[in-house]
Amino acid sequence: MNLTPEIRNRKIPVEEEEEEEGGEAEGPLSSAKARREKALERFSIHFVSVFDTPYLPVLVGKRVRKRLDAKSIVQLIRSLDIPSGSTAYIEQSTPFPKDGKQGWYSGGFGFGFWIGTLVTSGFSVVPVPSALWKRYFQLAGGNCTKDDSRRVASELFPLLSSQLQRKKDHGRAEALLIAAYGETLKHAKLLYTPQEFVSTEIALTVRVRFQQSSVPLLFDSVEQLLRIRGHGNCKFILAYVSRARQMDSAILKEGSQHGMLMNEVPGTRCTVGNLEGVIFEITLI
């Protein structure tokens, strides 16, 4: 996942393609020009930049996997100095059976993490289903590849084309296209807005699949979110179902190490077969 680029209010230079004699050229060139002009008609741009999401290597079982670097992400957002109330567009997480457990974990955790982090940083957050922005830029369907995303993003943002040259830069390209599509939405329904969180008590909820080895990373992220809002202004709701009987002790131990107060919600503990579930309210001590 890439941080959605910042878009402000002024136009950037856009190179003009020459028209063929006798009218506008047909085919890929004119299609690209029409798509670019249609998108740029909807929003004006003062400054555009794209950043790679910071990750940390984390040992999961016997394999090293990438996990979101919560501290670096918060520092990056703060360094942008974007005014409170700005809108952030985030691709809506849609898990598929073929993605497997790790894909479900990464998608669910990342989606929830970005929503929580952006909202507590003062952003209004708008979810964007992938099918919508891909259809808008004619990138839907099995014939389109990630290279096509890089190509379209380079057409829309020629000043950033040098950052979209590699195949692995498709994440940057898609972040740019999501932001561009988001700016065309005139009456977007906000998933969460800062105005909804003006009360003294805020509840942040993230639905994820996680393994016991991921508990420390989860609490690192929770601590960052709670400290952004300050003592007494926010709580984190943790609900989980687990086969591991030692999960409670791992959760309580990790919370204590992070300076958190763990309150089990009365009446929420339930056992079905070999699965046990419970809900905790987590606040800073």
C-alpha atoms as a PDB file:
ATOM      1  CA  MET A   1       0.000   0.000   0.000  1.00  0.00           C
ATOM      2  CA  ASN A   2       1.286   3.403  -0.932  1.00  0.00           C
ATOM      3  CA  LEU A   3       0.532   6.674   0.743  1.00  0.00           C
ATOM      4  CA  THR A   4      -2.041   8.531  -1.338  1.00  0.00           C
ATOM      5  CA  PRO A   5      -0.352  11.547  -2.943  1.00  0.00           C
ATOM      6  CA  GLU A   6      -1.078  15.055  -1.787  1.00  0.00           C
ATOM      7  CA  ILE A   7      -3.172  17.140  -4.183  1.00  0.00           C
ATOM      8  CA  ARG A   8      -3.559  20.884  -3.682  1.00  0.00           C
ATOM      9  CA  ASN A   9      -5.205  23.711  -5.567  1.00  0.00           C
ATOM     10  CA  ARG A  10      -3.253  24.754  -8.652  1.00  0.00           C
ATOM     11  CA  LYS A  11      -2.562  23.269 -12.053  1.00  0.00           C
ATOM     12  CA  ILE A  12       0.676  21.555 -13.011  1.00  0.00           C
ATOM     13  CA  PRO A  13       2.150  21.888 -16.508  1.00  0.00           C
ATOM     14  CA  VAL A  14       0.666  19.354 -18.900  1.00  0.00           C
ATOM     15  CA  GLU A  15       2.407  18.650 -22.168  1.00  0.00           C
ATOM     16  CA  GLU A  16       0.220  19.077 -25.239  1.00  0.00           C
ATOM     17  CA  GLU A  17       0.131  16.407 -27.927  1.00  0.00           C
ATOM     18  CA  GLU A  18      -0.068  17.652 -31.497  1.00  0.00           C
ATOM     19  CA  GLU A  19      -3.219  16.863 -33.416  1.00  0.00           C
ATOM     20  CA  GLU A  20      -2.997  15.271 -36.818  1.00  0.00           C
ATOM     21  CA  GLU A  21      -4.010  17.368 -39.781  1.00  0.00           C
ATOM     22  CA  GLY A  22      -7.735  17.142 -40.377  1.00  0.00           C
ATOM     23  CA  GLY A  23      -8.762  16.521 -36.776  1.00  0.00           C
ATOM     24  CA  GLU A  24      -7.699  14.857 -33.569  1.00  0.00           C
ATOM     25  CA  ALA A  25      -5.808  11.642 -33.954  1.00  0.00           C
ATOM     26  CA  GLU A  26      -7.615   8.411 -33.172  1.00  0.00           C
ATOM     27  CA  GLY A  27      -6.282   5.444 -31.282  1.00  0.00           C
ATOM     28  CA  PRO A  28      -4.145   5.112 -28.139  1.00  0.00           C
ATOM     29  CA  LEU A  29      -2.675   8.627 -28.320  1.00  0.00           C
ATOM     30  CA  SER A  30      -6.019  10.433 -28.546  1.00  0.00           C
ATOM     31  CA  SER A  31      -7.526   8.089 -25.963  1.00  0.00           C
ATOM     32  CA  ALA A  32      -4.706   8.887 -23.556  1.00  0.00           C
ATOM     33  CA  LYS A  33      -5.079  12.606 -24.195  1.00  0.00           C
ATOM     34  CA  ALA A  34      -8.855  12.479 -23.677  1.00  0.00           C
ATOM     35  CA  ARG A  35      -8.459  10.519 -20.465  1.00  0.00           C
ATOM     36  CA  ARG A  36      -5.856  12.951 -19.153  1.00  0.00           C
ATOM     37  CA  GLU A  37      -7.907  16.020 -20.045  1.00  0.00           C
ATOM     38  CA  LYS A  38     -11.079  14.522 -18.580  1.00  0.00           C
ATOM     39  CA  ALA A  39      -9.351  13.830 -15.277  1.00  0.00           C
ATOM     40  CA  LEU A  40      -7.593  17.187 -15.140  1.00  0.00           C
ATOM     41  CA  GLU A  41     -10.869  19.000 -15.837  1.00  0.00           C
ATOM     42  CA  ARG A  42     -12.192  17.626 -12.552  1.00  0.00           C
ATOM     43  CA  PHE A  43      -9.414  18.855 -10.294  1.00  0.00           C
ATOM     44  CA  SER A  44      -6.523  21.304 -10.268  1.00  0.00           C
ATOM     45  CA  ILE A  45      -3.125  20.448  -8.861  1.00  0.00           C
ATOM     46  CA  HIS A  46      -0.593  22.528  -7.019  1.00  0.00           C
ATOM     47  CA  PHE A  47       1.791  19.867  -5.812  1.00  0.00           C
ATOM     48  CA  VAL A  48       1.904  16.114  -6.344  1.00  0.00           C
ATOM     49  CA  SER A  49       4.229  13.643  -4.675  1.00  0.00           C
ATOM     50  CA  VAL A  50       4.169   9.939  -3.925  1.00  0.00           C
ATOM     51  CA  PHE A  51       5.829   8.120  -1.041  1.00  0.00           C
ATOM     52  CA  ASP A  52       6.521   4.440  -0.449  1.00  0.00           C
ATOM     53  CA  THR A  53       4.943   3.066   2.714  1.00  0.00           C
ATOM     54  CA  PRO A  54       7.574   2.332   5.392  1.00  0.00           C
ATOM     55  CA  TYR A  55       7.849  -1.338   6.336  1.00  0.00           C
ATOM     56  CA  LEU A  56       9.707  -3.371   8.957  1.00  0.00           C
ATOM     57  CA  PRO A  57      11.028  -6.931   8.558  1.00  0.00           C
ATOM     58  CA  VAL A  58       9.248  -9.160  11.088  1.00  0.00           C
ATOM     59  CA  LEU A  59       9.926 -12.827  11.768  1.00  0.00           C
ATOM     60  CA  VAL A  60       6.669 -14.776  11.403  1.00  0.00           C
ATOM     61  CA  GLY A  61       7.254 -18.421  12.183  1.00  0.00           C
ATOM     62  CA  LYS A  62      10.371 -19.286  10.206  1.00  0.00           C
ATOM     63  CA  ARG A  63       9.935 -16.613   7.544  1.00  0.00           C
ATOM     64  CA  VAL A  64      10.718 -12.908   7.518  1.00  0.00           C
ATOM     65  CA  ARG A  65       7.754 -10.866   6.318  1.00  0.00           C
ATOM     66  CA  LYS A  66       7.120  -7.165   5.758  1.00  0.00           C
ATOM     67  CA  ARG A  67       4.887  -5.397   8.242  1.00  0.00           C
ATOM     68  CA  LEU A  68       3.827  -1.745   8.431  1.00  0.00           C
ATOM     69  CA  ASP A  69       6.265   0.489  10.334  1.00  0.00           C
ATOM     70  CA  ALA A  70       3.734   2.385  12.472  1.00  0.00           C
ATOM     71  CA  LYS A  71       6.174   4.892  13.942  1.00  0.00           C
ATOM     72  CA  SER A  72       7.704   5.847  10.580  1.00  0.00           C
ATOM     73  CA  ILE A  73       4.263   6.164   8.962  1.00  0.00           C
ATOM     74  CA  VAL A  74       3.060   8.574  11.649  1.00  0.00           C
ATOM     75  CA  GLN A  75       6.279  10.589  11.308  1.00  0.00           C
ATOM     76  CA  LEU A  76       5.858  10.712   7.515  1.00  0.00           C
ATOM     77  CA  ILE A  77       2.269  11.973   7.757  1.00  0.00           C
ATOM     78  CA  ARG A  78       3.269  14.661  10.238  1.00  0.00           C
ATOM     79  CA  SER A  79       6.188  15.760   8.062  1.00  0.00           C
ATOM     80  CA  LEU A  80       3.817  16.533   5.166  1.00  0.00           C
ATOM     81  CA  ASP A  81       2.227  19.335   7.214  1.00  0.00           C
ATOM     82  CA  ILE A  82      -1.147  18.868   5.500  1.00  0.00           C
ATOM     83  CA  PRO A  83      -3.983  21.011   6.944  1.00  0.00           C
ATOM     84  CA  SER A  84      -6.466  19.308   9.269  1.00  0.00           C
ATOM     85  CA  GLY A  85      -9.670  18.385   7.462  1.00  0.00           C
ATOM     86  CA  SER A  86      -7.918  17.413   4.210  1.00  0.00           C
ATOM     87  CA  THR A  87      -9.350  14.399   2.414  1.00  0.00           C
ATOM     88  CA  ALA A  88      -7.502  11.108   2.059  1.00  0.00           C
ATOM     89  CA  TYR A  89      -8.607   8.400  -0.377  1.00  0.00           C
ATOM     90  CA  ILE A  90      -7.805   4.806   0.480  1.00  0.00           C
ATOM     91  CA  GLU A  91      -8.450   1.695  -1.568  1.00  0.00           C
ATOM     92  CA  GLN A  92     -11.119  -0.401   0.105  1.00  0.00           C
ATOM     93  CA  SER A  93      -9.827  -3.772   1.239  1.00  0.00           C
ATOM     94  CA  THR A  94     -11.602  -6.691  -0.443  1.00  0.00           C
ATOM     95  CA  PRO A  95     -10.216 -10.116   0.559  1.00  0.00           C
ATOM     96  CA  PHE A  96     -10.402 -12.991  -1.897  1.00  0.00           C
ATOM     97  CA  PRO A  97     -10.213 -16.705  -0.989  1.00  0.00           C
ATOM     98  CA  LYS A  98      -7.166 -17.221  -3.218  1.00  0.00           C
ATOM     99  CA  ASP A  99      -5.216 -14.588  -1.263  1.00  0.00           C
ATOM    100  CA  GLY A 100      -4.684 -16.966   1.660  1.00  0.00           C
ATOM    101  CA  LYS A 101      -4.263 -16.198   5.351  1.00  0.00           C
ATOM    102  CA  GLN A 102      -1.321 -13.834   4.921  1.00  0.00           C
ATOM    103  CA  GLY A 103      -3.179 -11.871   2.255  1.00  0.00           C
ATOM    104  CA  TRP A 104      -6.237 -11.560   4.488  1.00  0.00           C
ATOM    105  CA  TYR A 105      -4.084 -10.441   7.386  1.00  0.00           C
ATOM    106  CA  SER A 106      -2.162  -7.852   5.362  1.00  0.00           C
ATOM    107  CA  GLY A 107      -5.235  -6.440   3.644  1.00  0.00           C
ATOM    108  CA  GLY A 108      -7.408  -6.209   6.750  1.00  0.00           C
ATOM    109  CA  PHE A 109      -4.683  -4.921   9.030  1.00  0.00           C
ATOM    110  CA  GLY A 110      -3.443  -2.367   6.506  1.00  0.00           C
ATOM    111  CA  PHE A 111      -6.913  -1.037   5.717  1.00  0.00           C
ATOM    112  CA  GLY A 112      -7.800  -0.628   9.383  1.00  0.00           C
ATOM    113  CA  PHE A 113      -4.410   0.790  10.288  1.00  0.00           C
ATOM    114  CA  TRP A 114      -4.509   3.480   7.605  1.00  0.00           C
ATOM    115  CA  ILE A 115      -8.057   4.509   8.510  1.00  0.00           C
ATOM    116  CA  GLY A 116      -7.181   4.844  12.185  1.00  0.00           C
ATOM    117  CA  THR A 117      -3.908   6.655  11.554  1.00  0.00           C
ATOM    118  CA  LEU A 118      -5.339   9.104   9.023  1.00  0.00           C
ATOM    119  CA  VAL A 119      -8.436   9.909  11.075  1.00  0.00           C
ATOM    120  CA  THR A 120      -6.438  10.552  14.237  1.00  0.00           C
ATOM    121  CA  SER A 121      -4.129  12.744  12.147  1.00  0.00           C
ATOM    122  CA  GLY A 122      -7.075  14.986  11.217  1.00  0.00           C
ATOM    123  CA  PHE A 123      -8.013  13.638   7.780  1.00  0.00           C
ATOM    124  CA  SER A 124     -11.420  12.857   6.359  1.00  0.00           C
ATOM    125  CA  VAL A 125     -11.187   9.371   4.862  1.00  0.00           C
ATOM    126  CA  VAL A 126     -13.024   8.173   1.753  1.00  0.00           C
ATOM    127  CA  PRO A 127     -12.871   4.457   0.804  1.00  0.00           C
ATOM    128  CA  VAL A 128     -12.491   3.776  -2.916  1.00  0.00           C
ATOM    129  CA  PRO A 129     -13.406   0.294  -4.229  1.00  0.00           C
ATOM    130  CA  SER A 130     -10.764  -0.863  -6.696  1.00  0.00           C
ATOM    131  CA  ALA A 131     -13.375  -1.663  -9.350  1.00  0.00           C
ATOM    132  CA  LEU A 132     -14.514   1.977  -9.487  1.00  0.00           C
ATOM    133  CA  TRP A 133     -11.192   3.704 -10.069  1.00  0.00           C
ATOM    134  CA  LYS A 134      -9.998   0.984 -12.431  1.00  0.00           C
ATOM    135  CA  ARG A 135     -13.171   1.249 -14.492  1.00  0.00           C
ATOM    136  CA  TYR A 136     -12.862   5.042 -14.578  1.00  0.00           C
ATOM    137  CA  PHE A 137      -9.361   4.833 -16.069  1.00  0.00           C
ATOM    138  CA  GLN A 138     -10.279   1.883 -18.337  1.00  0.00           C
ATOM    139  CA  LEU A 139      -8.034  -0.482 -16.384  1.00  0.00           C
ATOM    140  CA  ALA A 140     -10.673  -3.058 -15.418  1.00  0.00           C
ATOM    141  CA  GLY A 141     -10.717  -6.516 -16.931  1.00  0.00           C
ATOM    142  CA  GLY A 142      -8.323  -9.392 -17.371  1.00  0.00           C
ATOM    143  CA  ASN A 143      -6.517  -7.812 -20.320  1.00  0.00           C
ATOM    144  CA  CYS A 144      -5.142  -4.937 -18.210  1.00  0.00           C
ATOM    145  CA  THR A 145      -1.887  -5.354 -16.308  1.00  0.00           C
ATOM    146  CA  LYS A 146      -0.053  -3.407 -13.628  1.00  0.00           C
ATOM    147  CA  ASP A 147       2.119  -1.998 -16.416  1.00  0.00           C
ATOM    148  CA  ASP A 148      -1.008  -0.310 -17.760  1.00  0.00           C
ATOM    149  CA  SER A 149      -1.477   1.408 -14.390  1.00  0.00           C
ATOM    150  CA  ARG A 150       2.059   2.795 -14.632  1.00  0.00           C
ATOM    151  CA  ARG A 151       1.423   3.968 -18.171  1.00  0.00           C
ATOM    152  CA  VAL A 152      -1.827   5.782 -17.341  1.00  0.00           C
ATOM    153  CA  ALA A 153      -0.346   7.377 -14.218  1.00  0.00           C
ATOM    154  CA  SER A 154       2.612   8.608 -16.267  1.00  0.00           C
ATOM    155  CA  GLU A 155       0.197  10.170 -18.757  1.00  0.00           C
ATOM    156  CA  LEU A 156      -1.736  11.935 -15.995  1.00  0.00           C
ATOM    157  CA  PHE A 157       1.342  12.969 -14.021  1.00  0.00           C
ATOM    158  CA  PRO A 158       4.200  13.351 -16.546  1.00  0.00           C
ATOM    159  CA  LEU A 159       6.395  15.124 -13.986  1.00  0.00           C
ATOM    160  CA  LEU A 160       6.413  11.931 -11.912  1.00  0.00           C
ATOM    161  CA  SER A 161       6.992   9.497 -14.778  1.00  0.00           C
ATOM    162  CA  SER A 162      10.625   8.993 -13.722  1.00  0.00           C
ATOM    163  CA  GLN A 163       9.339   7.486 -10.453  1.00  0.00           C
ATOM    164  CA  LEU A 164       7.148   4.995 -12.309  1.00  0.00           C
ATOM    165  CA  GLN A 165       9.713   3.326 -14.567  1.00  0.00           C
ATOM    166  CA  ARG A 166      10.162   0.009 -12.730  1.00  0.00           C
ATOM    167  CA  LYS A 167       7.626  -2.815 -12.717  1.00  0.00           C
ATOM    168  CA  LYS A 168       7.489  -2.714  -8.933  1.00  0.00           C
ATOM    169  CA  ASP A 169       6.437   0.959  -9.121  1.00  0.00           C
ATOM    170  CA  HIS A 170       2.870  -0.114  -9.925  1.00  0.00           C
ATOM    171  CA  GLY A 171       1.971   0.585  -6.277  1.00  0.00           C
ATOM    172  CA  ARG A 172       3.028   4.210  -6.685  1.00  0.00           C
ATOM    173  CA  ALA A 173       1.049   4.432  -9.918  1.00  0.00           C
ATOM    174  CA  GLU A 174      -2.096   3.039  -8.331  1.00  0.00           C
ATOM    175  CA  ALA A 175      -1.805   5.440  -5.377  1.00  0.00           C
ATOM    176  CA  LEU A 176      -1.691   8.343  -7.833  1.00  0.00           C
ATOM    177  CA  LEU A 177      -4.681   7.035  -9.767  1.00  0.00           C
ATOM    178  CA  ILE A 178      -6.729   6.467  -6.607  1.00  0.00           C
ATOM    179  CA  ALA A 179      -6.052  10.060  -5.551  1.00  0.00           C
ATOM    180  CA  ALA A 180      -6.921  11.351  -9.025  1.00  0.00           C
ATOM    181  CA  TYR A 181     -10.159   9.363  -9.074  1.00  0.00           C
ATOM    182  CA  GLY A 182     -11.002  10.493  -5.560  1.00  0.00           C
ATOM    183  CA  GLU A 183     -10.722  14.132  -6.556  1.00  0.00           C
ATOM    184  CA  THR A 184     -13.427  13.569  -9.172  1.00  0.00           C
ATOM    185  CA  LEU A 185     -15.937  12.575  -6.502  1.00  0.00           C
ATOM    186  CA  LYS A 186     -18.122  15.575  -5.767  1.00  0.00           C
ATOM    187  CA  HIS A 187     -20.358  14.050  -3.114  1.00  0.00           C
ATOM    188  CA  ALA A 188     -18.277  11.236  -1.674  1.00  0.00           C
ATOM    189  CA  LYS A 189     -19.653   9.520   1.402  1.00  0.00           C
ATOM    190  CA  LEU A 190     -16.993   9.717   4.105  1.00  0.00           C
ATOM    191  CA  LEU A 191     -16.183   6.540   5.965  1.00  0.00           C
ATOM    192  CA  TYR A 192     -14.884   8.488   8.957  1.00  0.00           C
ATOM    193  CA  THR A 193     -14.379  12.216   9.414  1.00  0.00           C
ATOM    194  CA  PRO A 194     -12.558  14.121  12.154  1.00  0.00           C
ATOM    195  CA  GLN A 195     -15.814  15.926  13.024  1.00  0.00           C
ATOM    196  CA  GLU A 196     -17.310  12.628  14.149  1.00  0.00           C
ATOM    197  CA  PHE A 197     -14.640  12.326  16.794  1.00  0.00           C
ATOM    198  CA  VAL A 198     -15.097  15.576  18.729  1.00  0.00           C
ATOM    199  CA  SER A 199     -16.349  13.822  21.878  1.00  0.00           C
ATOM    200  CA  THR A 200     -13.983  13.163  24.763  1.00  0.00           C
ATOM    201  CA  GLU A 201     -14.100   9.430  24.157  1.00  0.00           C
ATOM    202  CA  ILE A 202     -13.064   7.919  20.845  1.00  0.00           C
ATOM    203  CA  ALA A 203     -13.302   4.266  19.899  1.00  0.00           C
ATOM    204  CA  LEU A 204     -10.972   2.909  17.221  1.00  0.00           C
ATOM    205  CA  THR A 205     -11.829  -0.531  15.903  1.00  0.00           C
ATOM    206  CA  VAL A 206      -9.769  -2.628  13.503  1.00  0.00           C
ATOM    207  CA  ARG A 207     -10.880  -6.033  12.238  1.00  0.00           C
ATOM    208  CA  VAL A 208      -7.887  -8.211  11.391  1.00  0.00           C
ATOM    209  CA  ARG A 209      -6.615 -11.759  11.346  1.00  0.00           C
ATOM    210  CA  PHE A 210      -3.449 -11.991  13.396  1.00  0.00           C
ATOM    211  CA  GLN A 211      -1.119 -14.628  14.755  1.00  0.00           C
ATOM    212  CA  GLN A 212       0.291 -14.663  18.269  1.00  0.00           C
ATOM    213  CA  SER A 213       3.678 -13.617  16.898  1.00  0.00           C
ATOM    214  CA  SER A 214       2.040 -10.447  15.524  1.00  0.00           C
ATOM    215  CA  VAL A 215       0.677  -9.285  18.900  1.00  0.00           C
ATOM    216  CA  PRO A 216       3.683  -7.007  19.699  1.00  0.00           C
ATOM    217  CA  LEU A 217       3.377  -5.261  16.315  1.00  0.00           C
ATOM    218  CA  LEU A 218      -0.374  -4.829  16.793  1.00  0.00           C
ATOM    219  CA  PHE A 219       0.158  -3.149  20.163  1.00  0.00           C
ATOM    220  CA  ASP A 220       2.921  -0.939  18.740  1.00  0.00           C
ATOM    221  CA  SER A 221       0.362   0.388  16.255  1.00  0.00           C
ATOM    222  CA  VAL A 222      -2.356   0.759  18.901  1.00  0.00           C
ATOM    223  CA  GLU A 223      -0.020   2.719  21.175  1.00  0.00           C
ATOM    224  CA  GLN A 224       0.846   5.116  18.339  1.00  0.00           C
ATOM    225  CA  LEU A 225      -2.847   5.747  17.648  1.00  0.00           C
ATOM    226  CA  LEU A 226      -3.736   6.293  21.299  1.00  0.00           C
ATOM    227  CA  ARG A 227      -0.831   8.645  21.958  1.00  0.00           C
ATOM    228  CA  ILE A 228      -1.705  10.792  18.936  1.00  0.00           C
ATOM    229  CA  ARG A 229      -5.055  11.579  20.554  1.00  0.00           C
ATOM    230  CA  GLY A 230      -3.696  11.851  24.091  1.00  0.00           C
ATOM    231  CA  HIS A 231      -4.690  10.384  27.447  1.00  0.00           C
ATOM    232  CA  GLY A 232      -8.424  10.080  28.043  1.00  0.00           C
ATOM    233  CA  ASN A 233      -9.435  11.012  24.495  1.00  0.00           C
ATOM    234  CA  CYS A 234      -9.406   7.626  22.801  1.00  0.00           C
ATOM    235  CA  LYS A 235      -9.898   3.927  23.416  1.00  0.00           C
ATOM    236  CA  PHE A 236      -9.116   0.901  21.258  1.00  0.00           C
ATOM    237  CA  ILE A 237     -11.614  -1.960  21.017  1.00  0.00           C
ATOM    238  CA  LEU A 238      -9.910  -5.341  20.614  1.00  0.00           C
ATOM    239  CA  ALA A 239     -12.166  -8.314  19.883  1.00  0.00           C
ATOM    240  CA  TYR A 240     -10.637 -11.641  18.992  1.00  0.00           C
ATOM    241  CA  VAL A 241     -11.379 -15.325  18.619  1.00  0.00           C
ATOM    242  CA  SER A 242      -8.562 -17.779  19.188  1.00  0.00           C
ATOM    243  CA  ARG A 243      -7.769 -21.448  19.610  1.00  0.00           C
ATOM    244  CA  ALA A 244      -4.691 -20.572  21.679  1.00  0.00           C
ATOM    245  CA  ARG A 245      -5.506 -20.671  25.395  1.00  0.00           C
ATOM    246  CA  GLN A 246      -2.420 -18.588  26.139  1.00  0.00           C
ATOM    247  CA  MET A 247      -3.657 -15.716  23.949  1.00  0.00           C
ATOM    248  CA  ASP A 248      -5.226 -13.904  26.913  1.00  0.00           C
ATOM    249  CA  SER A 249      -1.954 -13.870  28.821  1.00  0.00           C
ATOM    250  CA  ALA A 250      -0.062 -12.691  25.726  1.00  0.00           C
ATOM    251  CA  ILE A 251      -2.552  -9.849  25.176  1.00  0.00           C
ATOM    252  CA  LEU A 252      -2.521  -8.742  28.825  1.00  0.00           C
ATOM    253  CA  LYS A 253       1.273  -8.934  29.046  1.00  0.00           C
ATOM    254  CA  GLU A 254       1.758  -6.899  25.876  1.00  0.00           C
ATOM    255  CA  GLY A 255      -0.739  -4.272  27.021  1.00  0.00           C
ATOM    256  CA  SER A 256       1.058  -3.896  30.344  1.00  0.00           C
ATOM    257  CA  GLN A 257       4.421  -3.489  28.614  1.00  0.00           C
ATOM    258  CA  HIS A 258       2.966  -0.677  26.485  1.00  0.00           C
ATOM    259  CA  GLY A 259       1.523   1.167  29.476  1.00  0.00           C
ATOM    260  CA  MET A 260      -2.087   0.318  28.664  1.00  0.00           C
ATOM    261  CA  LEU A 261      -5.116  -0.462  30.793  1.00  0.00           C
ATOM    262  CA  MET A 262      -6.896  -3.609  29.596  1.00  0.00           C
ATOM    263  CA  ASN A 263     -10.565  -3.856  30.570  1.00  0.00           C
ATOM    264  CA  GLU A 264     -12.490  -6.968  29.588  1.00  0.00           C
ATOM    265  CA  VAL A 265     -16.010  -6.001  28.513  1.00  0.00           C
ATOM    266  CA  PRO A 266     -18.425  -7.856  30.836  1.00  0.00           C
ATOM    267  CA  GLY A 267     -20.494 -10.559  29.174  1.00  0.00           C
ATOM    268  CA  THR A 268     -18.411 -10.753  25.989  1.00  0.00           C
ATOM    269  CA  ARG A 269     -16.356 -13.870  26.775  1.00  0.00           C
ATOM    270  CA  CYS A 270     -17.769 -16.878  24.948  1.00  0.00           C
ATOM    271  CA  THR A 271     -16.569 -20.381  24.080  1.00  0.00           C
ATOM    272  CA  VAL A 272     -17.758 -22.400  21.094  1.00  0.00           C
ATOM    273  CA  GLY A 273     -16.061 -25.745  20.620  1.00  0.00           C
ATOM    274  CA  ASN A 274     -12.312 -25.142  20.790  1.00  0.00           C
ATOM    275  CA  LEU A 275     -12.656 -21.423  20.048  1.00  0.00           C
ATOM    276  CA  GLU A 276     -12.830 -18.708  22.683  1.00  0.00           C
ATOM    277  CA  GLY A 277     -13.649 -15.063  22.062  1.00  0.00           C
ATOM    278  CA  VAL A 278     -13.609 -11.913  24.164  1.00  0.00           C
ATOM    279  CA  ILE A 279     -13.638  -8.121  23.797  1.00  0.00           C
ATOM    280  CA  PHE A 280     -11.227  -5.735  25.546  1.00  0.00           C
ATOM    281  CA  GLU A 281     -11.371  -1.957  25.874  1.00  0.00           C
ATOM    282  CA  ILE A 282      -7.821  -0.591  25.791  1.00  0.00           C
ATOM    283  CA  THR A 283      -6.762   2.842  27.033  1.00  0.00           C
ATOM    284  CA  LEU A 284      -3.499   4.472  28.086  1.00  0.00           C
ATOM    285  CA  ILE A 285      -2.725   4.367  31.799  1.00  0.00           C
END
